[in-house]
Amino acid sequence: MANATTPLPPGSMTVPPLFGWELILTGLVVLVVVAVAFLMISATGTGRDERSDWKAWLDARSGGREDPVVDPPGPPVQRAETHRAAEQTRGN
């Protein structure tokens, strides 16, 4: 003979609130733990040190300067003619 079930009190839930969400919630918790671990490992600075950052900053700072006196503007032919004219006026 089957056991008789007792009726639930009025207003009680028949299905738990997290029914079916346990797997999704577990996956999200694992994802958050992995993300926090990655951020902690990357924050320790294992890739670069302060000296390499300083050197990179100095290289970037001094890379864009040009000396206008060394190489006057204009095509190479005009520059050669300008140098010859300057040498002739100096008497060389």
PDB file of N, CA and C in Angstrom:
ATOM      1  N   MET A   1       0.821  -1.159   0.000  1.00  0.00           N
ATOM      2  CA  MET A   1       0.000   0.000   0.000  1.00  0.00           C
ATOM      3  C   MET A   1       0.884   1.249   0.000  1.00  0.00           C
ATOM      4  N   ALA A   2       0.494   2.325  -0.721  1.00  0.00           N
ATOM      5  CA  ALA A   2       1.261   3.554  -0.845  1.00  0.00           C
ATOM      6  C   ALA A   2       1.120   4.398   0.409  1.00  0.00           C
ATOM      7  N   ASN A   3       2.220   5.096   0.730  1.00  0.00           N
ATOM      8  CA  ASN A   3       2.184   5.989   1.887  1.00  0.00           C
ATOM      9  C   ASN A   3       1.332   7.205   1.563  1.00  0.00           C
ATOM     10  N   ALA A   4       0.630   7.625   2.490  1.00  0.00           N
ATOM     11  CA  ALA A   4      -0.193   8.817   2.305  1.00  0.00           C
ATOM     12  C   ALA A   4       0.683  10.045   2.540  1.00  0.00           C
ATOM     13  N   THR A   5       0.626  11.000   1.614  1.00  0.00           N
ATOM     14  CA  THR A   5       1.402  12.234   1.764  1.00  0.00           C
ATOM     15  C   THR A   5       0.575  13.243   2.538  1.00  0.00           C
ATOM     16  N   THR A   6       1.259  13.971   3.346  1.00  0.00           N
ATOM     17  CA  THR A   6       0.547  14.994   4.106  1.00  0.00           C
ATOM     18  C   THR A   6       0.487  16.255   3.265  1.00  0.00           C
ATOM     19  N   PRO A   7      -0.628  16.889   3.207  1.00  0.00           N
ATOM     20  CA  PRO A   7      -0.721  18.118   2.413  1.00  0.00           C
ATOM     21  C   PRO A   7       0.119  19.236   3.040  1.00  0.00           C
ATOM     22  N   LEU A   8       0.730  20.056   2.144  1.00  0.00           N
ATOM     23  CA  LEU A   8       1.541  21.186   2.607  1.00  0.00           C
ATOM     24  C   LEU A   8       0.628  22.289   3.120  1.00  0.00           C
ATOM     25  N   PRO A   9       1.155  23.082   4.033  1.00  0.00           N
ATOM     26  CA  PRO A   9       0.347  24.205   4.513  1.00  0.00           C
ATOM     27  C   PRO A   9       0.120  25.206   3.380  1.00  0.00           C
ATOM     28  N   PRO A  10      -0.981  25.926   3.421  1.00  0.00           N
ATOM     29  CA  PRO A  10      -1.268  26.895   2.359  1.00  0.00           C
ATOM     30  C   PRO A  10      -0.170  27.968   2.273  1.00  0.00           C
ATOM     31  N   GLY A  11       0.240  28.333   1.034  1.00  0.00           N
ATOM     32  CA  GLY A  11       1.235  29.376   0.783  1.00  0.00           C
ATOM     33  C   GLY A  11       2.663  28.878   0.779  1.00  0.00           C
ATOM     34  N   SER A  12       2.922  27.618   1.011  1.00  0.00           N
ATOM     35  CA  SER A  12       4.293  27.111   1.006  1.00  0.00           C
ATOM     36  C   SER A  12       4.720  26.792  -0.424  1.00  0.00           C
ATOM     37  N   MET A  13       6.024  26.910  -0.671  1.00  0.00           N
ATOM     38  CA  MET A  13       6.552  26.668  -2.017  1.00  0.00           C
ATOM     39  C   MET A  13       6.760  25.171  -2.211  1.00  0.00           C
ATOM     40  N   THR A  14       6.463  24.708  -3.402  1.00  0.00           N
ATOM     41  CA  THR A  14       6.656  23.293  -3.698  1.00  0.00           C
ATOM     42  C   THR A  14       8.003  23.042  -4.367  1.00  0.00           C
ATOM     43  N   VAL A  15       8.630  24.099  -4.896  1.00  0.00           N
ATOM     44  CA  VAL A  15       9.921  23.979  -5.575  1.00  0.00           C
ATOM     45  C   VAL A  15      10.909  24.899  -4.849  1.00  0.00           C
ATOM     46  N   PRO A  16      12.121  24.419  -4.544  1.00  0.00           N
ATOM     47  CA  PRO A  16      13.109  25.291  -3.887  1.00  0.00           C
ATOM     48  C   PRO A  16      13.450  26.501  -4.763  1.00  0.00           C
ATOM     49  N   PRO A  17      13.809  27.624  -4.150  1.00  0.00           N
ATOM     50  CA  PRO A  17      14.071  28.851  -4.933  1.00  0.00           C
ATOM     51  C   PRO A  17      15.251  28.723  -5.899  1.00  0.00           C
ATOM     52  N   LEU A  18      16.277  27.952  -5.578  1.00  0.00           N
ATOM     53  CA  LEU A  18      17.441  27.819  -6.460  1.00  0.00           C
ATOM     54  C   LEU A  18      17.381  26.565  -7.320  1.00  0.00           C
ATOM     55  N   PHE A  19      16.236  25.987  -7.526  1.00  0.00           N
ATOM     56  CA  PHE A  19      16.114  24.763  -8.309  1.00  0.00           C
ATOM     57  C   PHE A  19      16.566  25.014  -9.751  1.00  0.00           C
ATOM     58  N   GLY A  20      17.586  24.293 -10.194  1.00  0.00           N
ATOM     59  CA  GLY A  20      18.097  24.418 -11.555  1.00  0.00           C
ATOM     60  C   GLY A  20      19.193  25.462 -11.703  1.00  0.00           C
ATOM     61  N   TRP A  21      19.409  26.300 -10.718  1.00  0.00           N
ATOM     62  CA  TRP A  21      20.403  27.363 -10.798  1.00  0.00           C
ATOM     63  C   TRP A  21      21.716  26.988 -10.122  1.00  0.00           C
ATOM     64  N   GLU A  22      21.779  25.833  -9.474  1.00  0.00           N
ATOM     65  CA  GLU A  22      22.987  25.456  -8.751  1.00  0.00           C
ATOM     66  C   GLU A  22      24.194  25.358  -9.669  1.00  0.00           C
ATOM     67  N   LEU A  23      24.010  24.774 -10.850  1.00  0.00           N
ATOM     68  CA  LEU A  23      25.121  24.610 -11.791  1.00  0.00           C
ATOM     69  C   LEU A  23      25.607  25.960 -12.321  1.00  0.00           C
ATOM     70  N   ILE A  24      24.693  26.827 -12.650  1.00  0.00           N
ATOM     71  CA  ILE A  24      25.066  28.157 -13.159  1.00  0.00           C
ATOM     72  C   ILE A  24      25.766  28.963 -12.071  1.00  0.00           C
ATOM     73  N   LEU A  25      25.240  28.908 -10.863  1.00  0.00           N
ATOM     74  CA  LEU A  25      25.847  29.643  -9.755  1.00  0.00           C
ATOM     75  C   LEU A  25      27.243  29.108  -9.438  1.00  0.00           C
ATOM     76  N   THR A  26      27.417  27.802  -9.493  1.00  0.00           N
ATOM     77  CA  THR A  26      28.736  27.211  -9.267  1.00  0.00           C
ATOM     78  C   THR A  26      29.722  27.653 -10.340  1.00  0.00           C
ATOM     79  N   GLY A  27      29.295  27.675 -11.591  1.00  0.00           N
ATOM     80  CA  GLY A  27      30.159  28.136 -12.689  1.00  0.00           C
ATOM     81  C   GLY A  27      30.568  29.587 -12.525  1.00  0.00           C
ATOM     82  N   LEU A  28      29.649  30.435 -12.105  1.00  0.00           N
ATOM     83  CA  LEU A  28      29.970  31.850 -11.895  1.00  0.00           C
ATOM     84  C   LEU A  28      30.954  32.036 -10.745  1.00  0.00           C
ATOM     85  N   VAL A  29      30.783  31.265  -9.685  1.00  0.00           N
ATOM     86  CA  VAL A  29      31.706  31.370  -8.557  1.00  0.00           C
ATOM     87  C   VAL A  29      33.108  30.936  -8.974  1.00  0.00           C
ATOM     88  N   VAL A  30      33.208  29.852  -9.740  1.00  0.00           N
ATOM     89  CA  VAL A  30      34.516  29.392 -10.229  1.00  0.00           C
ATOM     90  C   VAL A  30      35.142  30.451 -11.137  1.00  0.00           C
ATOM     91  N   LEU A  31      34.351  31.063 -12.000  1.00  0.00           N
ATOM     92  CA  LEU A  31      34.851  32.102 -12.897  1.00  0.00           C
ATOM     93  C   LEU A  31      35.379  33.310 -12.115  1.00  0.00           C
ATOM     94  N   VAL A  32      34.681  33.726 -11.082  1.00  0.00           N
ATOM     95  CA  VAL A  32      35.129  34.857 -10.260  1.00  0.00           C
ATOM     96  C   VAL A  32      36.423  34.515  -9.535  1.00  0.00           C
ATOM     97  N   VAL A  33      36.542  33.294  -9.021  1.00  0.00           N
ATOM     98  CA  VAL A  33      37.761  32.892  -8.320  1.00  0.00           C
ATOM     99  C   VAL A  33      38.953  32.880  -9.281  1.00  0.00           C
ATOM    100  N   VAL A  34      38.754  32.382 -10.498  1.00  0.00           N
ATOM    101  CA  VAL A  34      39.840  32.360 -11.486  1.00  0.00           C
ATOM    102  C   VAL A  34      40.231  33.788 -11.873  1.00  0.00           C
ATOM    103  N   ALA A  35      39.256  34.666 -12.045  1.00  0.00           N
ATOM    104  CA  ALA A  35      39.560  36.051 -12.421  1.00  0.00           C
ATOM    105  C   ALA A  35      40.337  36.764 -11.311  1.00  0.00           C
ATOM    106  N   VAL A  36      39.951  36.558 -10.070  1.00  0.00           N
ATOM    107  CA  VAL A  36      40.656  37.189  -8.945  1.00  0.00           C
ATOM    108  C   VAL A  36      42.081  36.641  -8.850  1.00  0.00           C
ATOM    109  N   ALA A  37      42.245  35.341  -9.041  1.00  0.00           N
ATOM    110  CA  ALA A  37      43.588  34.756  -9.005  1.00  0.00           C
ATOM    111  C   ALA A  37      44.456  35.324 -10.125  1.00  0.00           C
ATOM    112  N   PHE A  38      43.901  35.474 -11.320  1.00  0.00           N
ATOM    113  CA  PHE A  38      44.664  36.048 -12.436  1.00  0.00           C
ATOM    114  C   PHE A  38      45.076  37.484 -12.128  1.00  0.00           C
ATOM    115  N   LEU A  39      44.167  38.272 -11.589  1.00  0.00           N
ATOM    116  CA  LEU A  39      44.504  39.663 -11.266  1.00  0.00           C
ATOM    117  C   LEU A  39      45.564  39.744 -10.174  1.00  0.00           C
ATOM    118  N   MET A  40      45.504  38.867  -9.201  1.00  0.00           N
ATOM    119  CA  MET A  40      46.507  38.869  -8.140  1.00  0.00           C
ATOM    120  C   MET A  40      47.887  38.491  -8.686  1.00  0.00           C
ATOM    121  N   ILE A  41      47.939  37.513  -9.568  1.00  0.00           N
ATOM    122  CA  ILE A  41      49.220  37.096 -10.143  1.00  0.00           C
ATOM    123  C   ILE A  41      49.777  38.190 -11.047  1.00  0.00           C
ATOM    124  N   SER A  42      48.921  38.816 -11.858  1.00  0.00           N
ATOM    125  CA  SER A  42      49.412  39.859 -12.762  1.00  0.00           C
ATOM    126  C   SER A  42      49.794  41.130 -12.007  1.00  0.00           C
ATOM    127  N   ALA A  43      49.212  41.357 -10.847  1.00  0.00           N
ATOM    128  CA  ALA A  43      49.532  42.557 -10.069  1.00  0.00           C
ATOM    129  C   ALA A  43      50.883  42.448  -9.369  1.00  0.00           C
ATOM    130  N   THR A  44      51.417  41.260  -9.265  1.00  0.00           N
ATOM    131  CA  THR A  44      52.704  41.120  -8.596  1.00  0.00           C
ATOM    132  C   THR A  44      53.840  41.669  -9.441  1.00  0.00           C
ATOM    133  N   GLY A  45      53.600  41.927 -10.716  1.00  0.00           N
ATOM    134  CA  GLY A  45      54.615  42.550 -11.564  1.00  0.00           C
ATOM    135  C   GLY A  45      55.707  41.600 -11.991  1.00  0.00           C
ATOM    136  N   THR A  46      55.369  40.382 -12.327  1.00  0.00           N
ATOM    137  CA  THR A  46      56.382  39.418 -12.730  1.00  0.00           C
ATOM    138  C   THR A  46      56.907  39.699 -14.140  1.00  0.00           C
ATOM    139  N   GLY A  47      56.224  40.520 -14.912  1.00  0.00           N
ATOM    140  CA  GLY A  47      56.632  40.748 -16.290  1.00  0.00           C
ATOM    141  C   GLY A  47      57.722  41.799 -16.456  1.00  0.00           C
ATOM    142  N   ARG A  48      57.601  42.920 -15.768  1.00  0.00           N
ATOM    143  CA  ARG A  48      58.547  44.019 -15.949  1.00  0.00           C
ATOM    144  C   ARG A  48      58.926  44.582 -14.598  1.00  0.00           C
ATOM    145  N   ASP A  49      60.059  45.233 -14.559  1.00  0.00           N
ATOM    146  CA  ASP A  49      60.464  45.889 -13.322  1.00  0.00           C
ATOM    147  C   ASP A  49      60.481  47.394 -13.545  1.00  0.00           C
ATOM    148  N   GLU A  50      60.775  48.149 -12.504  1.00  0.00           N
ATOM    149  CA  GLU A  50      60.743  49.607 -12.604  1.00  0.00           C
ATOM    150  C   GLU A  50      61.825  50.141 -13.532  1.00  0.00           C
ATOM    151  N   ARG A  51      62.975  49.485 -13.574  1.00  0.00           N
ATOM    152  CA  ARG A  51      64.059  49.972 -14.410  1.00  0.00           C
ATOM    153  C   ARG A  51      63.699  49.883 -15.894  1.00  0.00           C
ATOM    154  N   SER A  52      63.055  48.802 -16.332  1.00  0.00           N
ATOM    155  CA  SER A  52      62.681  48.696 -17.732  1.00  0.00           C
ATOM    156  C   SER A  52      61.588  49.704 -18.076  1.00  0.00           C
ATOM    157  N   ASP A  53      60.671  49.999 -17.130  1.00  0.00           N
ATOM    158  CA  ASP A  53      59.672  51.030 -17.373  1.00  0.00           C
ATOM    159  C   ASP A  53      60.339  52.392 -17.535  1.00  0.00           C
ATOM    160  N   TRP A  54      61.328  52.689 -16.698  1.00  0.00           N
ATOM    161  CA  TRP A  54      62.037  53.958 -16.764  1.00  0.00           C
ATOM    162  C   TRP A  54      62.788  54.075 -18.086  1.00  0.00           C
ATOM    163  N   LYS A  55      63.443  52.994 -18.515  1.00  0.00           N
ATOM    164  CA  LYS A  55      64.179  53.017 -19.775  1.00  0.00           C
ATOM    165  C   LYS A  55      63.237  53.202 -20.961  1.00  0.00           C
ATOM    166  N   ALA A  56      62.098  52.533 -20.938  1.00  0.00           N
ATOM    167  CA  ALA A  56      61.119  52.700 -22.015  1.00  0.00           C
ATOM    168  C   ALA A  56      60.604  54.132 -22.063  1.00  0.00           C
ATOM    169  N   TRP A  57      60.395  54.746 -20.899  1.00  0.00           N
ATOM    170  CA  TRP A  57      59.932  56.123 -20.879  1.00  0.00           C
ATOM    171  C   TRP A  57      60.998  57.060 -21.446  1.00  0.00           C
ATOM    172  N   LEU A  58      62.261  56.840 -21.072  1.00  0.00           N
ATOM    173  CA  LEU A  58      63.334  57.679 -21.596  1.00  0.00           C
ATOM    174  C   LEU A  58      63.495  57.508 -23.103  1.00  0.00           C
ATOM    175  N   ASP A  59      63.413  56.275 -23.598  1.00  0.00           N
ATOM    176  CA  ASP A  59      63.520  56.038 -25.034  1.00  0.00           C
ATOM    177  C   ASP A  59      62.395  56.725 -25.788  1.00  0.00           C
ATOM    178  N   ALA A  60      61.186  56.651 -25.270  1.00  0.00           N
ATOM    179  CA  ALA A  60      60.048  57.288 -25.941  1.00  0.00           C
ATOM    180  C   ALA A  60      60.157  58.804 -25.890  1.00  0.00           C
ATOM    181  N   ARG A  61      60.723  59.321 -24.825  1.00  0.00           N
ATOM    182  CA  ARG A  61      60.836  60.769 -24.666  1.00  0.00           C
ATOM    183  C   ARG A  61      61.860  61.372 -25.618  1.00  0.00           C
ATOM    184  N   SER A  62      62.969  60.688 -25.826  1.00  0.00           N
ATOM    185  CA  SER A  62      64.037  61.264 -26.633  1.00  0.00           C
ATOM    186  C   SER A  62      63.989  60.806 -28.085  1.00  0.00           C
ATOM    187  N   GLY A  63      63.020  60.000 -28.467  1.00  0.00           N
ATOM    188  CA  GLY A  63      62.992  59.457 -29.823  1.00  0.00           C
ATOM    189  C   GLY A  63      62.494  60.421 -30.881  1.00  0.00           C
ATOM    190  N   GLY A  64      61.723  61.442 -30.524  1.00  0.00           N
ATOM    191  CA  GLY A  64      61.098  62.283 -31.525  1.00  0.00           C
ATOM    192  C   GLY A  64      61.847  63.552 -31.873  1.00  0.00           C
ATOM    193  N   ARG A  65      63.007  63.771 -31.336  1.00  0.00           N
ATOM    194  CA  ARG A  65      63.715  65.034 -31.593  1.00  0.00           C
ATOM    195  C   ARG A  65      64.605  64.919 -32.822  1.00  0.00           C
ATOM    196  N   GLU A  66      64.685  66.017 -33.556  1.00  0.00           N
ATOM    197  CA  GLU A  66      65.568  66.098 -34.720  1.00  0.00           C
ATOM    198  C   GLU A  66      66.417  67.354 -34.593  1.00  0.00           C
ATOM    199  N   ASP A  67      67.614  67.308 -35.121  1.00  0.00           N
ATOM    200  CA  ASP A  67      68.485  68.468 -35.105  1.00  0.00           C
ATOM    201  C   ASP A  67      68.403  69.130 -36.477  1.00  0.00           C
ATOM    202  N   PRO A  68      67.764  70.297 -36.607  1.00  0.00           N
ATOM    203  CA  PRO A  68      67.586  70.920 -37.919  1.00  0.00           C
ATOM    204  C   PRO A  68      68.894  71.426 -38.527  1.00  0.00           C
ATOM    205  N   VAL A  69      69.933  71.647 -37.748  1.00  0.00           N
ATOM    206  CA  VAL A  69      71.189  72.172 -38.274  1.00  0.00           C
ATOM    207  C   VAL A  69      71.953  71.092 -39.034  1.00  0.00           C
ATOM    208  N   VAL A  70      71.859  69.861 -38.595  1.00  0.00           N
ATOM    209  CA  VAL A  70      72.632  68.776 -39.200  1.00  0.00           C
ATOM    210  C   VAL A  70      72.174  68.498 -40.620  1.00  0.00           C
ATOM    211  N   ASP A  71      70.859  68.479 -40.876  1.00  0.00           N
ATOM    212  CA  ASP A  71      70.351  68.117 -42.188  1.00  0.00           C
ATOM    213  C   ASP A  71      69.365  69.189 -42.646  1.00  0.00           C
ATOM    214  N   PRO A  72      69.799  70.157 -43.463  1.00  0.00           N
ATOM    215  CA  PRO A  72      68.881  71.203 -43.909  1.00  0.00           C
ATOM    216  C   PRO A  72      67.797  70.624 -44.808  1.00  0.00           C
ATOM    217  N   PRO A  73      66.628  71.237 -44.837  1.00  0.00           N
ATOM    218  CA  PRO A  73      65.542  70.729 -45.671  1.00  0.00           C
ATOM    219  C   PRO A  73      65.839  70.896 -47.154  1.00  0.00           C
ATOM    220  N   GLY A  74      65.199  70.078 -47.955  1.00  0.00           N
ATOM    221  CA  GLY A  74      65.359  70.168 -49.400  1.00  0.00           C
ATOM    222  C   GLY A  74      65.877  68.870 -49.980  1.00  0.00           C
ATOM    223  N   PRO A  75      65.708  68.716 -51.294  1.00  0.00           N
ATOM    224  CA  PRO A  75      66.215  67.505 -51.950  1.00  0.00           C
ATOM    225  C   PRO A  75      67.734  67.433 -51.871  1.00  0.00           C
ATOM    226  N   PRO A  76      68.325  66.241 -51.984  1.00  0.00           N
ATOM    227  CA  PRO A  76      69.779  66.092 -51.881  1.00  0.00           C
ATOM    228  C   PRO A  76      70.555  66.898 -52.914  1.00  0.00           C
ATOM    229  N   VAL A  77      69.999  67.081 -54.111  1.00  0.00           N
ATOM    230  CA  VAL A  77      70.710  67.824 -55.156  1.00  0.00           C
ATOM    231  C   VAL A  77      70.869  69.277 -54.729  1.00  0.00           C
ATOM    232  N   GLN A  78      69.834  69.877 -54.210  1.00  0.00           N
ATOM    233  CA  GLN A  78      69.922  71.267 -53.770  1.00  0.00           C
ATOM    234  C   GLN A  78      70.892  71.405 -52.615  1.00  0.00           C
ATOM    235  N   ARG A  79      70.916  70.442 -51.720  1.00  0.00           N
ATOM    236  CA  ARG A  79      71.847  70.524 -50.612  1.00  0.00           C
ATOM    237  C   ARG A  79      73.292  70.461 -51.100  1.00  0.00           C
ATOM    238  N   ALA A  80      73.562  69.605 -52.076  1.00  0.00           N
ATOM    239  CA  ALA A  80      74.921  69.504 -52.605  1.00  0.00           C
ATOM    240  C   ALA A  80      75.327  70.821 -53.261  1.00  0.00           C
ATOM    241  N   GLU A  81      74.407  71.418 -54.006  1.00  0.00           N
ATOM    242  CA  GLU A  81      74.725  72.698 -54.641  1.00  0.00           C
ATOM    243  C   GLU A  81      74.940  73.782 -53.591  1.00  0.00           C
ATOM    244  N   THR A  82      74.159  73.751 -52.524  1.00  0.00           N
ATOM    245  CA  THR A  82      74.317  74.737 -51.459  1.00  0.00           C
ATOM    246  C   THR A  82      75.674  74.589 -50.799  1.00  0.00           C
ATOM    247  N   HIS A  83      76.125  73.346 -50.579  1.00  0.00           N
ATOM    248  CA  HIS A  83      77.430  73.118 -49.963  1.00  0.00           C
ATOM    249  C   HIS A  83      78.565  73.584 -50.892  1.00  0.00           C
ATOM    250  N   ARG A  84      78.415  73.311 -52.186  1.00  0.00           N
ATOM    251  CA  ARG A  84      79.451  73.758 -53.128  1.00  0.00           C
ATOM    252  C   ARG A  84      79.535  75.281 -53.165  1.00  0.00           C
ATOM    253  N   ALA A  85      78.376  75.944 -53.172  1.00  0.00           N
ATOM    254  CA  ALA A  85      78.369  77.403 -53.200  1.00  0.00           C
ATOM    255  C   ALA A  85      78.979  77.966 -51.922  1.00  0.00           C
ATOM    256  N   ALA A  86      78.717  77.335 -50.805  1.00  0.00           N
ATOM    257  CA  ALA A  86      79.289  77.805 -49.541  1.00  0.00           C
ATOM    258  C   ALA A  86      80.795  77.600 -49.518  1.00  0.00           C
ATOM    259  N   GLU A  87      81.290  76.510 -50.107  1.00  0.00           N
ATOM    260  CA  GLU A  87      82.731  76.261 -50.140  1.00  0.00           C
ATOM    261  C   GLU A  87      83.438  77.248 -51.068  1.00  0.00           C
ATOM    262  N   GLN A  88      82.761  77.591 -52.167  1.00  0.00           N
ATOM    263  CA  GLN A  88      83.376  78.548 -53.111  1.00  0.00           C
ATOM    264  C   GLN A  88      83.461  79.935 -52.468  1.00  0.00           C
ATOM    265  N   THR A  89      82.469  80.343 -51.702  1.00  0.00           N
ATOM    266  CA  THR A  89      82.511  81.654 -51.089  1.00  0.00           C
ATOM    267  C   THR A  89      83.555  81.706 -49.975  1.00  0.00           C
ATOM    268  N   ARG A  90      83.865  80.572 -49.351  1.00  0.00           N
ATOM    269  CA  ARG A  90      84.879  80.526 -48.316  1.00  0.00           C
ATOM    270  C   ARG A  90      86.266  80.440 -48.902  1.00  0.00           C
ATOM    271  N   GLY A  91      86.340  80.033 -50.165  1.00  0.00           N
ATOM    272  CA  GLY A  91      87.632  79.931 -50.792  1.00  0.00           C
ATOM    273  C   GLY A  91      88.269  78.568 -50.651  1.00  0.00           C
ATOM    274  N   ASN A  92      87.519  77.533 -50.382  1.00  0.00           N
ATOM    275  CA  ASN A  92      88.068  76.187 -50.237  1.00  0.00           C
ATOM    276  C   ASN A  92      88.068  75.453 -51.519  1.00  0.00           C
TER     277      ASN A  92
END
